[in-house]
């Protein structure tokens, strides 16, 4: 009996090892887990690891290598002084992997392209500070705004709103063994991702408007009034009921809605629909066009 049990477990281990080898061949390994740490804030769940640096080559889809460097402030961005310099217009970016710049270099993200565009032949200085974290939803966006971004005194907050924002936030694995598997096992990553996607699709409709999005947008409106900043929502408007409802709610709060649908054609690959470098350039241009009248007013006021 013991021999049969031992044989069964040996066959099971061999089977799992075989699957692991197959999945490592089919799906590229990813070092993305090295830039995350558990957060002491339960509303965030996880954060970017300060001073971490990796070469990212994609998840499930092989992408050209890009460097991801996290600053000592825990952002994929440069370091900015907390005190806003005089004559500076500050923009804070909130979002997930779209704003983070998944699969593109830092200078190619729409945040940095926008910052460079704004500082070209303008009287004021412009800073675009990126607080985006892959996998974050709107509840986490608002939490990071309250706990980390507000001290930078933004004049404008731009928050991305995509279908993934209608999912509950992912939980960072607390047990070392699970974190090890998440980091080293292609089979585990494949199974866990499929479970996340399946659960997200199941609870999206009910969660979106009743809990997550409504609460987040109401909180964002309250914070904007209290801290005197404008709000723009960056989204790809789709003919989907929950997206349409969210956009209507944004307009009720007098948030400007910037549609980046035109950039959706410029993606990393058919299996990874994140915007590529050209897509980020188009997004930056769309934000700039929205900002232009506001910037002209600010520059006139500065004289």
C-alpha atoms as a PDB file:
ATOM      1  CA  UNK A   1       0.000   0.000   0.000  1.00  0.00           C
ATOM      2  CA  UNK A   2       2.791   2.403   0.962  1.00  0.00           C
ATOM      3  CA  UNK A   3       4.666   1.478  -2.215  1.00  0.00           C
ATOM      4  CA  UNK A   4       1.586   2.327  -4.332  1.00  0.00           C
ATOM      5  CA  UNK A   5       1.175   5.706  -2.614  1.00  0.00           C
ATOM      6  CA  UNK A   6       4.858   6.480  -3.100  1.00  0.00           C
ATOM      7  CA  UNK A   7       4.635   5.492  -6.777  1.00  0.00           C
ATOM      8  CA  UNK A   8       1.560   7.711  -7.221  1.00  0.00           C
ATOM      9  CA  UNK A   9       3.322  10.746  -5.759  1.00  0.00           C
ATOM     10  CA  UNK A  10       6.445  10.100  -7.841  1.00  0.00           C
ATOM     11  CA  UNK A  11       4.309   9.967 -10.996  1.00  0.00           C
ATOM     12  CA  UNK A  12       2.469  13.120  -9.925  1.00  0.00           C
ATOM     13  CA  UNK A  13       5.743  14.982  -9.323  1.00  0.00           C
ATOM     14  CA  UNK A  14       7.098  13.801 -12.676  1.00  0.00           C
ATOM     15  CA  UNK A  15       3.861  14.925 -14.366  1.00  0.00           C
ATOM     16  CA  UNK A  16       4.002  18.370 -12.744  1.00  0.00           C
ATOM     17  CA  UNK A  17       7.687  18.768 -13.606  1.00  0.00           C
ATOM     18  CA  UNK A  18       6.866  17.848 -17.190  1.00  0.00           C
ATOM     19  CA  UNK A  19       4.114  20.474 -17.288  1.00  0.00           C
ATOM     20  CA  UNK A  20       6.455  23.038 -15.746  1.00  0.00           C
ATOM     21  CA  UNK A  21       9.026  22.417 -18.492  1.00  0.00           C
ATOM     22  CA  UNK A  22       6.358  22.728 -21.198  1.00  0.00           C
ATOM     23  CA  UNK A  23       4.974  25.973 -19.758  1.00  0.00           C
ATOM     24  CA  UNK A  24       8.454  27.466 -19.421  1.00  0.00           C
ATOM     25  CA  UNK A  25       9.004  26.772 -23.119  1.00  0.00           C
ATOM     26  CA  UNK A  26       5.621  28.148 -24.195  1.00  0.00           C
ATOM     27  CA  UNK A  27       5.416  31.146 -21.849  1.00  0.00           C
ATOM     28  CA  UNK A  28       8.372  33.444 -21.148  1.00  0.00           C
ATOM     29  CA  UNK A  29       9.576  33.708 -17.593  1.00  0.00           C
ATOM     30  CA  UNK A  30       8.973  37.040 -15.925  1.00  0.00           C
ATOM     31  CA  UNK A  31      10.899  38.969 -13.330  1.00  0.00           C
ATOM     32  CA  UNK A  32       8.015  41.399 -12.764  1.00  0.00           C
ATOM     33  CA  UNK A  33       7.334  39.964  -9.295  1.00  0.00           C
ATOM     34  CA  UNK A  34      10.664  41.360  -8.090  1.00  0.00           C
ATOM     35  CA  UNK A  35       9.363  44.940  -8.185  1.00  0.00           C
ATOM     36  CA  UNK A  36       6.456  44.274  -5.776  1.00  0.00           C
ATOM     37  CA  UNK A  37       6.336  44.141  -1.985  1.00  0.00           C
ATOM     38  CA  UNK A  38       3.393  43.565   0.391  1.00  0.00           C
ATOM     39  CA  UNK A  39       1.945  46.838   1.638  1.00  0.00           C
ATOM     40  CA  UNK A  40       1.296  47.683   5.260  1.00  0.00           C
ATOM     41  CA  UNK A  41      -1.820  49.421   3.964  1.00  0.00           C
ATOM     42  CA  UNK A  42      -4.503  46.736   3.491  1.00  0.00           C
ATOM     43  CA  UNK A  43      -6.336  48.943   0.984  1.00  0.00           C
ATOM     44  CA  UNK A  44      -3.313  48.887  -1.303  1.00  0.00           C
ATOM     45  CA  UNK A  45      -2.390  45.243  -0.795  1.00  0.00           C
ATOM     46  CA  UNK A  46       0.964  45.615  -2.518  1.00  0.00           C
ATOM     47  CA  UNK A  47       3.263  48.402  -3.680  1.00  0.00           C
ATOM     48  CA  UNK A  48       6.270  48.932  -5.900  1.00  0.00           C
ATOM     49  CA  UNK A  49       9.551  47.960  -4.259  1.00  0.00           C
ATOM     50  CA  UNK A  50      11.743  51.073  -3.807  1.00  0.00           C
ATOM     51  CA  UNK A  51      15.112  50.998  -5.600  1.00  0.00           C
ATOM     52  CA  UNK A  52      14.320  47.786  -7.485  1.00  0.00           C
ATOM     53  CA  UNK A  53      15.413  47.291 -11.082  1.00  0.00           C
ATOM     54  CA  UNK A  54      14.647  44.568 -13.631  1.00  0.00           C
ATOM     55  CA  UNK A  55      14.752  43.819 -17.339  1.00  0.00           C
ATOM     56  CA  UNK A  56      11.162  43.032 -18.327  1.00  0.00           C
ATOM     57  CA  UNK A  57      10.494  40.646 -21.227  1.00  0.00           C
ATOM     58  CA  UNK A  58       6.746  40.157 -20.918  1.00  0.00           C
ATOM     59  CA  UNK A  59       4.341  37.765 -19.212  1.00  0.00           C
ATOM     60  CA  UNK A  60       2.775  34.944 -21.261  1.00  0.00           C
ATOM     61  CA  UNK A  61       3.890  36.865 -24.357  1.00  0.00           C
ATOM     62  CA  UNK A  62       7.522  37.522 -25.221  1.00  0.00           C
ATOM     63  CA  UNK A  63       8.191  41.253 -25.566  1.00  0.00           C
ATOM     64  CA  UNK A  64      11.331  43.221 -26.464  1.00  0.00           C
ATOM     65  CA  UNK A  65      13.371  43.762 -23.266  1.00  0.00           C
ATOM     66  CA  UNK A  66      12.644  46.993 -21.417  1.00  0.00           C
ATOM     67  CA  UNK A  67      14.206  48.350 -18.262  1.00  0.00           C
ATOM     68  CA  UNK A  68      12.002  48.973 -15.236  1.00  0.00           C
ATOM     69  CA  UNK A  69      13.586  50.990 -12.447  1.00  0.00           C
ATOM     70  CA  UNK A  70      11.676  51.965  -9.308  1.00  0.00           C
ATOM     71  CA  UNK A  71      12.814  55.102  -7.504  1.00  0.00           C
ATOM     72  CA  UNK A  72      13.494  55.373  -3.786  1.00  0.00           C
ATOM     73  CA  UNK A  73      10.004  56.928  -3.544  1.00  0.00           C
ATOM     74  CA  UNK A  74       8.458  53.718  -4.877  1.00  0.00           C
ATOM     75  CA  UNK A  75       7.521  55.093  -8.307  1.00  0.00           C
ATOM     76  CA  UNK A  76       8.489  54.205 -11.841  1.00  0.00           C
ATOM     77  CA  UNK A  77       9.604  57.761 -12.351  1.00  0.00           C
ATOM     78  CA  UNK A  78      12.247  60.309 -11.474  1.00  0.00           C
ATOM     79  CA  UNK A  79      12.499  61.769  -8.002  1.00  0.00           C
ATOM     80  CA  UNK A  80      10.591  64.987  -7.414  1.00  0.00           C
ATOM     81  CA  UNK A  81      10.761  67.308  -4.431  1.00  0.00           C
ATOM     82  CA  UNK A  82       7.692  67.102  -2.229  1.00  0.00           C
ATOM     83  CA  UNK A  83       7.598  70.895  -2.025  1.00  0.00           C
ATOM     84  CA  UNK A  84       6.293  72.198  -5.339  1.00  0.00           C
ATOM     85  CA  UNK A  85       8.720  74.730  -6.842  1.00  0.00           C
ATOM     86  CA  UNK A  86       7.304  78.155  -7.503  1.00  0.00           C
ATOM     87  CA  UNK A  87       5.922  78.580 -11.021  1.00  0.00           C
ATOM     88  CA  UNK A  88       5.356  74.821 -11.440  1.00  0.00           C
ATOM     89  CA  UNK A  89       2.180  73.133 -12.677  1.00  0.00           C
ATOM     90  CA  UNK A  90       1.996  69.573 -11.328  1.00  0.00           C
ATOM     91  CA  UNK A  91       0.119  66.653 -12.823  1.00  0.00           C
ATOM     92  CA  UNK A  92      -0.331  63.330 -11.049  1.00  0.00           C
ATOM     93  CA  UNK A  93      -1.035  60.148 -13.026  1.00  0.00           C
ATOM     94  CA  UNK A  94      -3.058  57.362 -11.359  1.00  0.00           C
ATOM     95  CA  UNK A  95      -3.664  53.975 -12.921  1.00  0.00           C
ATOM     96  CA  UNK A  96      -2.510  50.461 -13.610  1.00  0.00           C
ATOM     97  CA  UNK A  97      -0.197  48.911 -16.194  1.00  0.00           C
ATOM     98  CA  UNK A  98      -1.368  51.326 -18.923  1.00  0.00           C
ATOM     99  CA  UNK A  99      -0.080  54.356 -17.047  1.00  0.00           C
ATOM    100  CA  UNK A 100       2.881  52.385 -15.678  1.00  0.00           C
ATOM    101  CA  UNK A 101       4.169  51.843 -19.192  1.00  0.00           C
ATOM    102  CA  UNK A 102       3.983  48.064 -19.521  1.00  0.00           C
ATOM    103  CA  UNK A 103       6.431  46.955 -22.214  1.00  0.00           C
ATOM    104  CA  UNK A 104       7.880  50.402 -23.036  1.00  0.00           C
ATOM    105  CA  UNK A 105      10.838  52.374 -21.749  1.00  0.00           C
ATOM    106  CA  UNK A 106      10.261  55.106 -19.170  1.00  0.00           C
ATOM    107  CA  UNK A 107      10.883  57.909 -21.666  1.00  0.00           C
ATOM    108  CA  UNK A 108       8.298  56.395 -24.016  1.00  0.00           C
ATOM    109  CA  UNK A 109       5.454  56.351 -21.458  1.00  0.00           C
ATOM    110  CA  UNK A 110       2.708  58.888 -22.054  1.00  0.00           C
ATOM    111  CA  UNK A 111       3.529  60.518 -18.701  1.00  0.00           C
ATOM    112  CA  UNK A 112       7.109  61.341 -19.690  1.00  0.00           C
ATOM    113  CA  UNK A 113       6.173  62.208 -23.282  1.00  0.00           C
ATOM    114  CA  UNK A 114       3.543  64.594 -21.936  1.00  0.00           C
ATOM    115  CA  UNK A 115       6.016  66.172 -19.521  1.00  0.00           C
ATOM    116  CA  UNK A 116       8.526  66.750 -22.316  1.00  0.00           C
ATOM    117  CA  UNK A 117       5.828  68.151 -24.610  1.00  0.00           C
ATOM    118  CA  UNK A 118       4.542  70.526 -21.946  1.00  0.00           C
ATOM    119  CA  UNK A 119       7.988  71.895 -21.157  1.00  0.00           C
ATOM    120  CA  UNK A 120       8.674  72.676 -24.802  1.00  0.00           C
ATOM    121  CA  UNK A 121       8.362  76.451 -25.298  1.00  0.00           C
ATOM    122  CA  UNK A 122       6.160  77.052 -22.261  1.00  0.00           C
ATOM    123  CA  UNK A 123       6.631  79.803 -19.674  1.00  0.00           C
ATOM    124  CA  UNK A 124       5.713  77.628 -16.709  1.00  0.00           C
ATOM    125  CA  UNK A 125       7.511  74.483 -15.597  1.00  0.00           C
ATOM    126  CA  UNK A 126       5.485  71.283 -15.753  1.00  0.00           C
ATOM    127  CA  UNK A 127       5.995  68.092 -13.754  1.00  0.00           C
ATOM    128  CA  UNK A 128       4.102  64.882 -14.503  1.00  0.00           C
ATOM    129  CA  UNK A 129       4.496  62.446 -11.601  1.00  0.00           C
ATOM    130  CA  UNK A 130       3.450  58.864 -12.250  1.00  0.00           C
ATOM    131  CA  UNK A 131       1.910  56.853  -9.383  1.00  0.00           C
ATOM    132  CA  UNK A 132       0.599  54.030 -11.601  1.00  0.00           C
ATOM    133  CA  UNK A 133       1.033  50.432 -10.387  1.00  0.00           C
ATOM    134  CA  UNK A 134       0.259  47.372 -12.552  1.00  0.00           C
ATOM    135  CA  UNK A 135      -2.911  45.603 -11.421  1.00  0.00           C
ATOM    136  CA  UNK A 136      -4.328  48.500  -9.387  1.00  0.00           C
ATOM    137  CA  UNK A 137      -8.032  49.297  -9.649  1.00  0.00           C
ATOM    138  CA  UNK A 138      -9.726  52.621  -8.906  1.00  0.00           C
ATOM    139  CA  UNK A 139     -10.038  51.950  -5.165  1.00  0.00           C
ATOM    140  CA  UNK A 140      -6.275  51.472  -4.960  1.00  0.00           C
ATOM    141  CA  UNK A 141      -5.729  54.516  -7.185  1.00  0.00           C
ATOM    142  CA  UNK A 142      -7.651  56.706  -4.770  1.00  0.00           C
ATOM    143  CA  UNK A 143      -5.842  55.217  -1.776  1.00  0.00           C
ATOM    144  CA  UNK A 144      -2.426  55.935  -3.273  1.00  0.00           C
ATOM    145  CA  UNK A 145      -3.622  59.445  -4.110  1.00  0.00           C
ATOM    146  CA  UNK A 146      -4.583  60.028  -0.477  1.00  0.00           C
ATOM    147  CA  UNK A 147      -1.541  58.405   1.116  1.00  0.00           C
ATOM    148  CA  UNK A 148       1.263  59.296  -1.299  1.00  0.00           C
ATOM    149  CA  UNK A 149       0.334  61.730  -4.053  1.00  0.00           C
ATOM    150  CA  UNK A 150      -1.529  64.556  -2.330  1.00  0.00           C
ATOM    151  CA  UNK A 151       1.587  65.740  -0.491  1.00  0.00           C
ATOM    152  CA  UNK A 152       2.959  66.770  -3.917  1.00  0.00           C
ATOM    153  CA  UNK A 153       0.072  69.273  -4.257  1.00  0.00           C
ATOM    154  CA  UNK A 154      -1.107  68.403  -7.779  1.00  0.00           C
ATOM    155  CA  UNK A 155      -2.918  70.956  -9.924  1.00  0.00           C
ATOM    156  CA  UNK A 156      -4.387  68.187 -12.077  1.00  0.00           C
ATOM    157  CA  UNK A 157      -5.007  64.478 -11.454  1.00  0.00           C
ATOM    158  CA  UNK A 158      -5.359  62.184 -14.468  1.00  0.00           C
ATOM    159  CA  UNK A 159      -6.738  58.718 -13.719  1.00  0.00           C
ATOM    160  CA  UNK A 160      -6.939  55.915 -16.257  1.00  0.00           C
ATOM    161  CA  UNK A 161     -10.208  53.984 -16.362  1.00  0.00           C
ATOM    162  CA  UNK A 162     -10.241  50.671 -18.220  1.00  0.00           C
ATOM    163  CA  UNK A 163     -12.174  47.414 -17.966  1.00  0.00           C
ATOM    164  CA  UNK A 164      -9.690  45.966 -15.471  1.00  0.00           C
ATOM    165  CA  UNK A 165     -10.690  48.705 -13.021  1.00  0.00           C
ATOM    166  CA  UNK A 166     -14.029  46.953 -12.619  1.00  0.00           C
ATOM    167  CA  UNK A 167     -12.312  43.986 -10.971  1.00  0.00           C
ATOM    168  CA  UNK A 168     -11.584  43.614  -7.295  1.00  0.00           C
ATOM    169  CA  UNK A 169      -7.988  44.283  -6.371  1.00  0.00           C
ATOM    170  CA  UNK A 170      -5.573  41.384  -6.515  1.00  0.00           C
ATOM    171  CA  UNK A 171      -4.125  40.084  -3.291  1.00  0.00           C
ATOM    172  CA  UNK A 172      -0.380  39.893  -2.840  1.00  0.00           C
ATOM    173  CA  UNK A 173       0.639  36.382  -1.694  1.00  0.00           C
ATOM    174  CA  UNK A 174       1.575  36.525   1.972  1.00  0.00           C
ATOM    175  CA  UNK A 175       3.153  33.100   2.379  1.00  0.00           C
ATOM    176  CA  UNK A 176       6.819  32.779   1.315  1.00  0.00           C
ATOM    177  CA  UNK A 177       6.174  29.440  -0.432  1.00  0.00           C
ATOM    178  CA  UNK A 178       3.419  30.963  -2.587  1.00  0.00           C
ATOM    179  CA  UNK A 179       5.577  33.997  -3.408  1.00  0.00           C
ATOM    180  CA  UNK A 180       8.362  31.602  -4.424  1.00  0.00           C
ATOM    181  CA  UNK A 181       6.020  29.736  -6.766  1.00  0.00           C
ATOM    182  CA  UNK A 182       4.676  32.998  -8.200  1.00  0.00           C
ATOM    183  CA  UNK A 183       8.225  34.096  -8.931  1.00  0.00           C
ATOM    184  CA  UNK A 184       9.703  30.840 -10.250  1.00  0.00           C
ATOM    185  CA  UNK A 185       6.908  28.589 -11.572  1.00  0.00           C
ATOM    186  CA  UNK A 186       5.445  29.196 -15.035  1.00  0.00           C
ATOM    187  CA  UNK A 187       2.757  26.567 -14.349  1.00  0.00           C
ATOM    188  CA  UNK A 188       1.658  28.284 -11.138  1.00  0.00           C
ATOM    189  CA  UNK A 189       1.545  31.696 -12.833  1.00  0.00           C
ATOM    190  CA  UNK A 190      -0.569  30.289 -15.667  1.00  0.00           C
ATOM    191  CA  UNK A 191      -3.101  28.663 -13.321  1.00  0.00           C
ATOM    192  CA  UNK A 192      -3.318  31.648 -10.955  1.00  0.00           C
ATOM    193  CA  UNK A 193      -3.783  34.111 -13.837  1.00  0.00           C
ATOM    194  CA  UNK A 194      -6.617  32.012 -15.279  1.00  0.00           C
ATOM    195  CA  UNK A 195      -8.281  31.892 -11.858  1.00  0.00           C
ATOM    196  CA  UNK A 196      -7.980  35.676 -11.496  1.00  0.00           C
ATOM    197  CA  UNK A 197      -9.445  36.289 -14.951  1.00  0.00           C
ATOM    198  CA  UNK A 198     -12.304  33.853 -14.376  1.00  0.00           C
ATOM    199  CA  UNK A 199     -13.215  35.378 -11.012  1.00  0.00           C
ATOM    200  CA  UNK A 200     -12.901  38.906 -12.385  1.00  0.00           C
ATOM    201  CA  UNK A 201     -15.314  38.227 -15.221  1.00  0.00           C
ATOM    202  CA  UNK A 202     -17.787  36.661 -12.806  1.00  0.00           C
ATOM    203  CA  UNK A 203     -17.929  39.561 -10.360  1.00  0.00           C
ATOM    204  CA  UNK A 204     -17.269  42.499 -12.691  1.00  0.00           C
ATOM    205  CA  UNK A 205     -20.845  43.658 -13.397  1.00  0.00           C
ATOM    206  CA  UNK A 206     -22.015  43.631  -9.786  1.00  0.00           C
ATOM    207  CA  UNK A 207     -18.827  45.054  -8.318  1.00  0.00           C
ATOM    208  CA  UNK A 208     -18.302  47.832 -10.808  1.00  0.00           C
ATOM    209  CA  UNK A 209     -21.101  50.292 -10.194  1.00  0.00           C
ATOM    210  CA  UNK A 210     -22.348  49.226  -6.776  1.00  0.00           C
ATOM    211  CA  UNK A 211     -19.036  49.188  -4.960  1.00  0.00           C
ATOM    212  CA  UNK A 212     -15.740  49.980  -6.625  1.00  0.00           C
ATOM    213  CA  UNK A 213     -16.242  52.608  -9.277  1.00  0.00           C
ATOM    214  CA  UNK A 214     -18.992  54.597  -7.578  1.00  0.00           C
ATOM    215  CA  UNK A 215     -17.073  54.783  -4.304  1.00  0.00           C
ATOM    216  CA  UNK A 216     -13.836  55.715  -6.067  1.00  0.00           C
ATOM    217  CA  UNK A 217     -15.309  58.469  -8.224  1.00  0.00           C
ATOM    218  CA  UNK A 218     -17.226  59.974  -5.302  1.00  0.00           C
ATOM    219  CA  UNK A 219     -14.048  59.996  -3.202  1.00  0.00           C
ATOM    220  CA  UNK A 220     -12.076  61.518  -6.073  1.00  0.00           C
ATOM    221  CA  UNK A 221     -14.634  64.307  -6.418  1.00  0.00           C
ATOM    222  CA  UNK A 222     -14.456  65.025  -2.680  1.00  0.00           C
ATOM    223  CA  UNK A 223     -10.655  65.117  -2.695  1.00  0.00           C
ATOM    224  CA  UNK A 224     -10.568  67.387  -5.746  1.00  0.00           C
ATOM    225  CA  UNK A 225     -12.778  69.951  -4.006  1.00  0.00           C
ATOM    226  CA  UNK A 226     -10.878  69.786  -0.716  1.00  0.00           C
ATOM    227  CA  UNK A 227      -7.440  69.987  -2.334  1.00  0.00           C
ATOM    228  CA  UNK A 228      -8.329  72.258  -5.250  1.00  0.00           C
ATOM    229  CA  UNK A 229      -7.180  70.166  -8.207  1.00  0.00           C
ATOM    230  CA  UNK A 230      -8.846  69.389 -11.525  1.00  0.00           C
ATOM    231  CA  UNK A 231      -9.620  65.843 -12.637  1.00  0.00           C
ATOM    232  CA  UNK A 232      -9.378  64.204 -16.053  1.00  0.00           C
ATOM    233  CA  UNK A 233     -10.351  60.592 -16.722  1.00  0.00           C
ATOM    234  CA  UNK A 234      -8.369  58.816 -19.417  1.00  0.00           C
ATOM    235  CA  UNK A 235     -10.366  55.964 -20.937  1.00  0.00           C
ATOM    236  CA  UNK A 236     -11.057  54.044 -24.121  1.00  0.00           C
ATOM    237  CA  UNK A 237     -14.805  54.586 -24.437  1.00  0.00           C
ATOM    238  CA  UNK A 238     -16.514  51.348 -25.466  1.00  0.00           C
ATOM    239  CA  UNK A 239     -20.107  50.406 -26.130  1.00  0.00           C
ATOM    240  CA  UNK A 240     -20.252  48.339 -22.946  1.00  0.00           C
ATOM    241  CA  UNK A 241     -22.946  48.996 -20.355  1.00  0.00           C
ATOM    242  CA  UNK A 242     -20.744  49.265 -17.269  1.00  0.00           C
ATOM    243  CA  UNK A 243     -18.169  51.426 -19.063  1.00  0.00           C
ATOM    244  CA  UNK A 244     -20.863  53.762 -20.364  1.00  0.00           C
ATOM    245  CA  UNK A 245     -22.348  54.063 -16.887  1.00  0.00           C
ATOM    246  CA  UNK A 246     -18.941  54.896 -15.403  1.00  0.00           C
ATOM    247  CA  UNK A 247     -18.321  57.579 -18.034  1.00  0.00           C
ATOM    248  CA  UNK A 248     -21.742  59.116 -17.294  1.00  0.00           C
ATOM    249  CA  UNK A 249     -20.841  59.215 -13.606  1.00  0.00           C
ATOM    250  CA  UNK A 250     -17.555  60.983 -14.438  1.00  0.00           C
ATOM    251  CA  UNK A 251     -19.421  63.636 -16.396  1.00  0.00           C
ATOM    252  CA  UNK A 252     -21.909  64.097 -13.542  1.00  0.00           C
ATOM    253  CA  UNK A 253     -18.930  65.013 -11.360  1.00  0.00           C
ATOM    254  CA  UNK A 254     -17.690  67.427 -14.063  1.00  0.00           C
ATOM    255  CA  UNK A 255     -14.578  65.356 -14.693  1.00  0.00           C
ATOM    256  CA  UNK A 256     -13.117  65.815 -18.158  1.00  0.00           C
ATOM    257  CA  UNK A 257     -13.190  62.524 -20.081  1.00  0.00           C
ATOM    258  CA  UNK A 258     -10.330  61.996 -22.539  1.00  0.00           C
ATOM    259  CA  UNK A 259     -10.968  59.174 -24.999  1.00  0.00           C
ATOM    260  CA  UNK A 260      -7.772  57.370 -26.004  1.00  0.00           C
ATOM    261  CA  UNK A 261      -9.491  54.850 -28.293  1.00  0.00           C
ATOM    262  CA  UNK A 262      -7.410  55.993 -31.263  1.00  0.00           C
ATOM    263  CA  UNK A 263      -4.290  54.693 -29.538  1.00  0.00           C
ATOM    264  CA  UNK A 264      -5.797  51.233 -29.057  1.00  0.00           C
ATOM    265  CA  UNK A 265      -4.609  50.167 -32.513  1.00  0.00           C
ATOM    266  CA  UNK A 266      -0.992  50.688 -31.488  1.00  0.00           C
ATOM    267  CA  UNK A 267      -0.428  47.748 -29.137  1.00  0.00           C
ATOM    268  CA  UNK A 268       2.527  45.601 -28.107  1.00  0.00           C
ATOM    269  CA  UNK A 269       1.134  42.438 -29.709  1.00  0.00           C
ATOM    270  CA  UNK A 270      -2.119  40.682 -30.541  1.00  0.00           C
ATOM    271  CA  UNK A 271      -1.904  38.798 -27.241  1.00  0.00           C
ATOM    272  CA  UNK A 272      -0.767  41.788 -25.182  1.00  0.00           C
ATOM    273  CA  UNK A 273      -3.013  44.790 -25.882  1.00  0.00           C
ATOM    274  CA  UNK A 274      -1.039  47.334 -23.854  1.00  0.00           C
ATOM    275  CA  UNK A 275      -0.177  50.421 -25.909  1.00  0.00           C
ATOM    276  CA  UNK A 276       3.234  50.406 -27.540  1.00  0.00           C
ATOM    277  CA  UNK A 277       5.553  53.409 -27.803  1.00  0.00           C
ATOM    278  CA  UNK A 278       3.516  54.939 -30.616  1.00  0.00           C
ATOM    279  CA  UNK A 279       0.312  54.328 -28.651  1.00  0.00           C
ATOM    280  CA  UNK A 280       1.751  56.191 -25.660  1.00  0.00           C
ATOM    281  CA  UNK A 281       2.746  59.041 -27.970  1.00  0.00           C
ATOM    282  CA  UNK A 282      -0.838  59.332 -29.239  1.00  0.00           C
ATOM    283  CA  UNK A 283      -2.196  59.297 -25.668  1.00  0.00           C
ATOM    284  CA  UNK A 284       0.224  62.061 -24.661  1.00  0.00           C
ATOM    285  CA  UNK A 285      -0.883  64.155 -27.638  1.00  0.00           C
ATOM    286  CA  UNK A 286      -4.561  63.703 -26.757  1.00  0.00           C
ATOM    287  CA  UNK A 287      -3.922  64.825 -23.173  1.00  0.00           C
ATOM    288  CA  UNK A 288      -1.895  67.773 -24.457  1.00  0.00           C
ATOM    289  CA  UNK A 289      -4.729  68.878 -26.745  1.00  0.00           C
ATOM    290  CA  UNK A 290      -7.094  68.818 -23.767  1.00  0.00           C
ATOM    291  CA  UNK A 291      -4.628  70.785 -21.637  1.00  0.00           C
ATOM    292  CA  UNK A 292      -3.739  73.419 -24.222  1.00  0.00           C
ATOM    293  CA  UNK A 293      -6.493  75.976 -23.396  1.00  0.00           C
ATOM    294  CA  UNK A 294      -5.833  75.516 -19.674  1.00  0.00           C
ATOM    295  CA  UNK A 295      -2.102  75.957 -20.187  1.00  0.00           C
ATOM    296  CA  UNK A 296      -2.584  79.142 -22.175  1.00  0.00           C
ATOM    297  CA  UNK A 297      -4.618  80.552 -19.281  1.00  0.00           C
ATOM    298  CA  UNK A 298      -1.963  79.535 -16.766  1.00  0.00           C
ATOM    299  CA  UNK A 299       0.817  81.081 -18.859  1.00  0.00           C
ATOM    300  CA  UNK A 300      -1.137  84.308 -19.297  1.00  0.00           C
ATOM    301  CA  UNK A 301      -1.770  84.461 -15.541  1.00  0.00           C
ATOM    302  CA  UNK A 302       1.945  83.972 -14.811  1.00  0.00           C
ATOM    303  CA  UNK A 303       2.904  87.211 -16.637  1.00  0.00           C
END
